[in-house]
Amino acid sequence: MATEILSADAVRLGLTARDKEDALRQCGAVLVEIGAADPAYAEAILERERSVSTYMGEGVAIPHGTDESRDHIKRGALAFLQFPDGVDWNGKTAHVCIAIASRSDEHIGILQSLAMVLSDKESARRLRETTSVDEVLELLAPTDEEDDD
């Protein structure tokens, strides 16, 4: 079920990071801590970032491992890490990292919700500044649009 992809125990607010690598290591550590991935996947997040930036805009990065590292994923999950003071991301500033562990398309609903949140500057601001885990879960809850014409 999509709501299980991002759970309250994977939301971390008010963090600090020395730099992008530190932020990426924290992302991988949360995915390992919640039982979604092995430490090798956490390392693959760093490897992916060396080849392609995962910064998406509006202060949000979406770190994930390489395709080859999917064998190190135990279950699909997302981790939400908020860095209120920001992290330099190749000249941009990331305030939110949404780390992905996925072997299939189970995370797509939340990514669609994220795209909608990022297109709304007020919602994106709320993600960057919130102090409420429930608000994060509410903002990123997958939307059911199948009924829309």
C-alpha atoms as a PDB file:
ATOM      1  CA  MET A   1       0.000   0.000   0.000  1.00  0.00           C
ATOM      2  CA  ALA A   2       1.351   3.421  -0.954  1.00  0.00           C
ATOM      3  CA  THR A   3       0.991   4.989   2.468  1.00  0.00           C
ATOM      4  CA  GLU A   4       3.423   2.411   3.838  1.00  0.00           C
ATOM      5  CA  ILE A   5       6.110   3.630   1.430  1.00  0.00           C
ATOM      6  CA  LEU A   6       6.612   6.767   3.544  1.00  0.00           C
ATOM      7  CA  SER A   7       6.039   6.140   7.230  1.00  0.00           C
ATOM      8  CA  ALA A   8       6.415   8.439  10.212  1.00  0.00           C
ATOM      9  CA  ASP A   9       9.570   6.648  11.373  1.00  0.00           C
ATOM     10  CA  ALA A  10      11.274   7.643   8.114  1.00  0.00           C
ATOM     11  CA  VAL A  11      10.569  11.375   8.508  1.00  0.00           C
ATOM     12  CA  ARG A  12      13.406  13.336  10.109  1.00  0.00           C
ATOM     13  CA  LEU A  13      12.986  17.061  10.711  1.00  0.00           C
ATOM     14  CA  GLY A  14      15.379  19.794  11.838  1.00  0.00           C
ATOM     15  CA  LEU A  15      18.602  18.060  10.751  1.00  0.00           C
ATOM     16  CA  THR A  16      21.955  19.581   9.881  1.00  0.00           C
ATOM     17  CA  ALA A  17      24.566  18.354   7.419  1.00  0.00           C
ATOM     18  CA  ARG A  18      28.154  19.477   6.892  1.00  0.00           C
ATOM     19  CA  ASP A  19      27.829  19.079   3.135  1.00  0.00           C
ATOM     20  CA  LYS A  20      26.045  17.167   0.386  1.00  0.00           C
ATOM     21  CA  GLU A  21      27.932  13.942   1.107  1.00  0.00           C
ATOM     22  CA  ASP A  22      26.956  14.118   4.782  1.00  0.00           C
ATOM     23  CA  ALA A  23      23.306  14.653   3.792  1.00  0.00           C
ATOM     24  CA  LEU A  24      23.475  11.699   1.394  1.00  0.00           C
ATOM     25  CA  ARG A  25      25.005   9.484   4.085  1.00  0.00           C
ATOM     26  CA  GLN A  26      22.193  10.457   6.456  1.00  0.00           C
ATOM     27  CA  CYS A  27      19.647   9.538   3.763  1.00  0.00           C
ATOM     28  CA  GLY A  28      21.182   6.105   3.307  1.00  0.00           C
ATOM     29  CA  ALA A  29      21.398   5.598   7.072  1.00  0.00           C
ATOM     30  CA  VAL A  30      17.666   6.232   7.500  1.00  0.00           C
ATOM     31  CA  LEU A  31      16.791   3.727   4.750  1.00  0.00           C
ATOM     32  CA  VAL A  32      19.012   1.143   6.475  1.00  0.00           C
ATOM     33  CA  GLU A  33      17.635   1.988   9.938  1.00  0.00           C
ATOM     34  CA  ILE A  34      14.004   1.487   8.865  1.00  0.00           C
ATOM     35  CA  GLY A  35      14.881  -1.877   7.304  1.00  0.00           C
ATOM     36  CA  ALA A  36      14.374  -0.850   3.677  1.00  0.00           C
ATOM     37  CA  ALA A  37      17.925  -1.360   2.430  1.00  0.00           C
ATOM     38  CA  ASP A  38      21.340  -2.817   3.178  1.00  0.00           C
ATOM     39  CA  PRO A  39      24.361  -0.579   3.847  1.00  0.00           C
ATOM     40  CA  ALA A  40      25.574  -1.337   0.305  1.00  0.00           C
ATOM     41  CA  TYR A  41      22.537   0.543  -1.026  1.00  0.00           C
ATOM     42  CA  ALA A  42      23.426   3.520   1.145  1.00  0.00           C
ATOM     43  CA  GLU A  43      26.845   3.569  -0.543  1.00  0.00           C
ATOM     44  CA  ALA A  44      25.188   3.332  -3.967  1.00  0.00           C
ATOM     45  CA  ILE A  45      23.316   6.576  -3.193  1.00  0.00           C
ATOM     46  CA  LEU A  46      26.702   8.326  -3.048  1.00  0.00           C
ATOM     47  CA  GLU A  47      27.782   6.586  -6.251  1.00  0.00           C
ATOM     48  CA  ARG A  48      24.623   7.729  -8.103  1.00  0.00           C
ATOM     49  CA  GLU A  49      25.133  11.327  -6.987  1.00  0.00           C
ATOM     50  CA  ARG A  50      28.682  11.324  -8.367  1.00  0.00           C
ATOM     51  CA  SER A  51      27.322  10.592 -11.838  1.00  0.00           C
ATOM     52  CA  VAL A  52      24.012  12.519 -11.820  1.00  0.00           C
ATOM     53  CA  SER A  53      22.767  15.220  -9.458  1.00  0.00           C
ATOM     54  CA  THR A  54      19.491  14.323  -7.779  1.00  0.00           C
ATOM     55  CA  TYR A  55      18.591  17.960  -7.043  1.00  0.00           C
ATOM     56  CA  MET A  56      15.079  18.593  -8.427  1.00  0.00           C
ATOM     57  CA  GLY A  57      14.440  22.266  -7.639  1.00  0.00           C
ATOM     58  CA  GLU A  58      12.452  24.171  -4.969  1.00  0.00           C
ATOM     59  CA  GLY A  59      15.050  23.114  -2.403  1.00  0.00           C
ATOM     60  CA  VAL A  60      14.434  19.371  -2.871  1.00  0.00           C
ATOM     61  CA  ALA A  61      16.797  16.532  -3.796  1.00  0.00           C
ATOM     62  CA  ILE A  62      15.697  12.954  -4.420  1.00  0.00           C
ATOM     63  CA  PRO A  63      18.697  10.717  -3.683  1.00  0.00           C
ATOM     64  CA  HIS A  64      18.552   7.104  -4.800  1.00  0.00           C
ATOM     65  CA  GLY A  65      20.951   4.306  -5.629  1.00  0.00           C
ATOM     66  CA  THR A  66      22.168   3.037  -8.963  1.00  0.00           C
ATOM     67  CA  ASP A  67      20.151   0.516 -10.961  1.00  0.00           C
ATOM     68  CA  GLU A  68      22.769  -2.125 -10.116  1.00  0.00           C
ATOM     69  CA  SER A  69      22.203  -1.549  -6.391  1.00  0.00           C
ATOM     70  CA  ARG A  70      18.546  -2.622  -6.409  1.00  0.00           C
ATOM     71  CA  ASP A  71      19.571  -6.063  -5.121  1.00  0.00           C
ATOM     72  CA  HIS A  72      20.415  -4.336  -1.826  1.00  0.00           C
ATOM     73  CA  ILE A  73      16.845  -3.076  -1.337  1.00  0.00           C
ATOM     74  CA  LYS A  74      14.777  -5.134   1.111  1.00  0.00           C
ATOM     75  CA  ARG A  75      11.474  -3.294   0.580  1.00  0.00           C
ATOM     76  CA  GLY A  76      10.217  -0.173  -1.129  1.00  0.00           C
ATOM     77  CA  ALA A  77      10.407   2.891   1.063  1.00  0.00           C
ATOM     78  CA  LEU A  78      11.033   6.601   1.106  1.00  0.00           C
ATOM     79  CA  ALA A  79      12.842   8.637   3.738  1.00  0.00           C
ATOM     80  CA  PHE A  80      12.152  12.354   4.226  1.00  0.00           C
ATOM     81  CA  LEU A  81      15.046  14.349   5.677  1.00  0.00           C
ATOM     82  CA  GLN A  82      14.708  18.074   6.277  1.00  0.00           C
ATOM     83  CA  PHE A  83      17.706  20.385   6.600  1.00  0.00           C
ATOM     84  CA  PRO A  84      16.271  23.815   7.599  1.00  0.00           C
ATOM     85  CA  ASP A  85      19.623  25.593   7.217  1.00  0.00           C
ATOM     86  CA  GLY A  86      20.097  24.089   3.767  1.00  0.00           C
ATOM     87  CA  VAL A  87      22.848  22.016   2.175  1.00  0.00           C
ATOM     88  CA  ASP A  88      24.948  23.191  -0.773  1.00  0.00           C
ATOM     89  CA  TRP A  89      24.006  20.925  -3.680  1.00  0.00           C
ATOM     90  CA  ASN A  90      26.342  21.838  -6.520  1.00  0.00           C
ATOM     91  CA  GLY A  91      25.603  25.535  -6.105  1.00  0.00           C
ATOM     92  CA  LYS A  92      21.906  25.076  -5.290  1.00  0.00           C
ATOM     93  CA  THR A  93      20.496  24.815  -1.774  1.00  0.00           C
ATOM     94  CA  ALA A  94      18.637  21.681  -0.731  1.00  0.00           C
ATOM     95  CA  HIS A  95      16.439  21.881   2.361  1.00  0.00           C
ATOM     96  CA  VAL A  96      14.693  18.534   1.833  1.00  0.00           C
ATOM     97  CA  CYS A  97      16.013  15.153   0.717  1.00  0.00           C
ATOM     98  CA  ILE A  98      13.569  12.418  -0.166  1.00  0.00           C
ATOM     99  CA  ALA A  99      15.601   9.232  -0.388  1.00  0.00           C
ATOM    100  CA  ILE A 100      14.159   6.423  -2.471  1.00  0.00           C
ATOM    101  CA  ALA A 101      14.588   2.668  -2.071  1.00  0.00           C
ATOM    102  CA  SER A 102      12.536   0.998  -4.763  1.00  0.00           C
ATOM    103  CA  ARG A 103      12.755  -2.141  -6.855  1.00  0.00           C
ATOM    104  CA  SER A 104       9.614  -1.317  -8.836  1.00  0.00           C
ATOM    105  CA  ASP A 105       7.123   1.521  -9.282  1.00  0.00           C
ATOM    106  CA  GLU A 106       5.717   1.505  -5.748  1.00  0.00           C
ATOM    107  CA  HIS A 107       7.076   5.002  -5.035  1.00  0.00           C
ATOM    108  CA  ILE A 108       5.492   6.623  -8.111  1.00  0.00           C
ATOM    109  CA  GLY A 109       2.353   7.834  -6.296  1.00  0.00           C
ATOM    110  CA  ILE A 110       4.371   9.753  -3.736  1.00  0.00           C
ATOM    111  CA  LEU A 111       6.658  11.157  -6.429  1.00  0.00           C
ATOM    112  CA  GLN A 112       3.581  12.374  -8.310  1.00  0.00           C
ATOM    113  CA  SER A 113       2.375  14.028  -5.111  1.00  0.00           C
ATOM    114  CA  LEU A 114       5.820  15.533  -4.646  1.00  0.00           C
ATOM    115  CA  ALA A 115       5.761  16.945  -8.169  1.00  0.00           C
ATOM    116  CA  MET A 116       2.421  18.583  -7.385  1.00  0.00           C
ATOM    117  CA  VAL A 117       3.754  19.938  -4.077  1.00  0.00           C
ATOM    118  CA  LEU A 118       6.843  21.351  -5.799  1.00  0.00           C
ATOM    119  CA  SER A 119       4.697  23.062  -8.414  1.00  0.00           C
ATOM    120  CA  ASP A 120       2.896  24.859  -5.564  1.00  0.00           C
ATOM    121  CA  LYS A 121       5.433  27.207  -3.984  1.00  0.00           C
ATOM    122  CA  GLU A 122       3.449  27.458  -0.733  1.00  0.00           C
ATOM    123  CA  SER A 123       3.353  23.665  -0.286  1.00  0.00           C
ATOM    124  CA  ALA A 124       7.059  23.424  -1.139  1.00  0.00           C
ATOM    125  CA  ARG A 125       7.757  26.082   1.501  1.00  0.00           C
ATOM    126  CA  ARG A 126       5.726  24.098   4.033  1.00  0.00           C
ATOM    127  CA  LEU A 127       7.840  20.987   3.363  1.00  0.00           C
ATOM    128  CA  ARG A 128      11.033  22.991   3.844  1.00  0.00           C
ATOM    129  CA  GLU A 129       9.866  24.664   7.059  1.00  0.00           C
ATOM    130  CA  THR A 130       7.440  22.301   8.802  1.00  0.00           C
ATOM    131  CA  THR A 131       8.087  20.990  12.290  1.00  0.00           C
ATOM    132  CA  SER A 132       5.293  18.412  12.000  1.00  0.00           C
ATOM    133  CA  VAL A 133       5.793  14.830  10.818  1.00  0.00           C
ATOM    134  CA  ASP A 134       2.034  14.609  10.210  1.00  0.00           C
ATOM    135  CA  GLU A 135       2.178  17.631   7.891  1.00  0.00           C
ATOM    136  CA  VAL A 136       4.913  15.956   5.826  1.00  0.00           C
ATOM    137  CA  LEU A 137       2.847  12.771   5.543  1.00  0.00           C
ATOM    138  CA  GLU A 138      -0.244  14.789   4.616  1.00  0.00           C
ATOM    139  CA  LEU A 139       1.552  16.854   1.955  1.00  0.00           C
ATOM    140  CA  LEU A 140       3.128  13.785   0.362  1.00  0.00           C
ATOM    141  CA  ALA A 141       0.144  11.451   0.596  1.00  0.00           C
ATOM    142  CA  PRO A 142      -0.512   9.940  -2.819  1.00  0.00           C
ATOM    143  CA  THR A 143      -3.487  11.488  -4.544  1.00  0.00           C
ATOM    144  CA  ASP A 144      -6.109   9.364  -6.274  1.00  0.00           C
ATOM    145  CA  GLU A 145      -6.712  10.965  -9.628  1.00  0.00           C
ATOM    146  CA  GLU A 146      -8.143   7.968 -11.465  1.00  0.00           C
ATOM    147  CA  ASP A 147     -11.644   9.461 -11.182  1.00  0.00           C
ATOM    148  CA  ASP A 148     -10.656  12.749 -12.823  1.00  0.00           C
ATOM    149  CA  ASP A 149     -11.508  13.275 -16.489  1.00  0.00           C
END
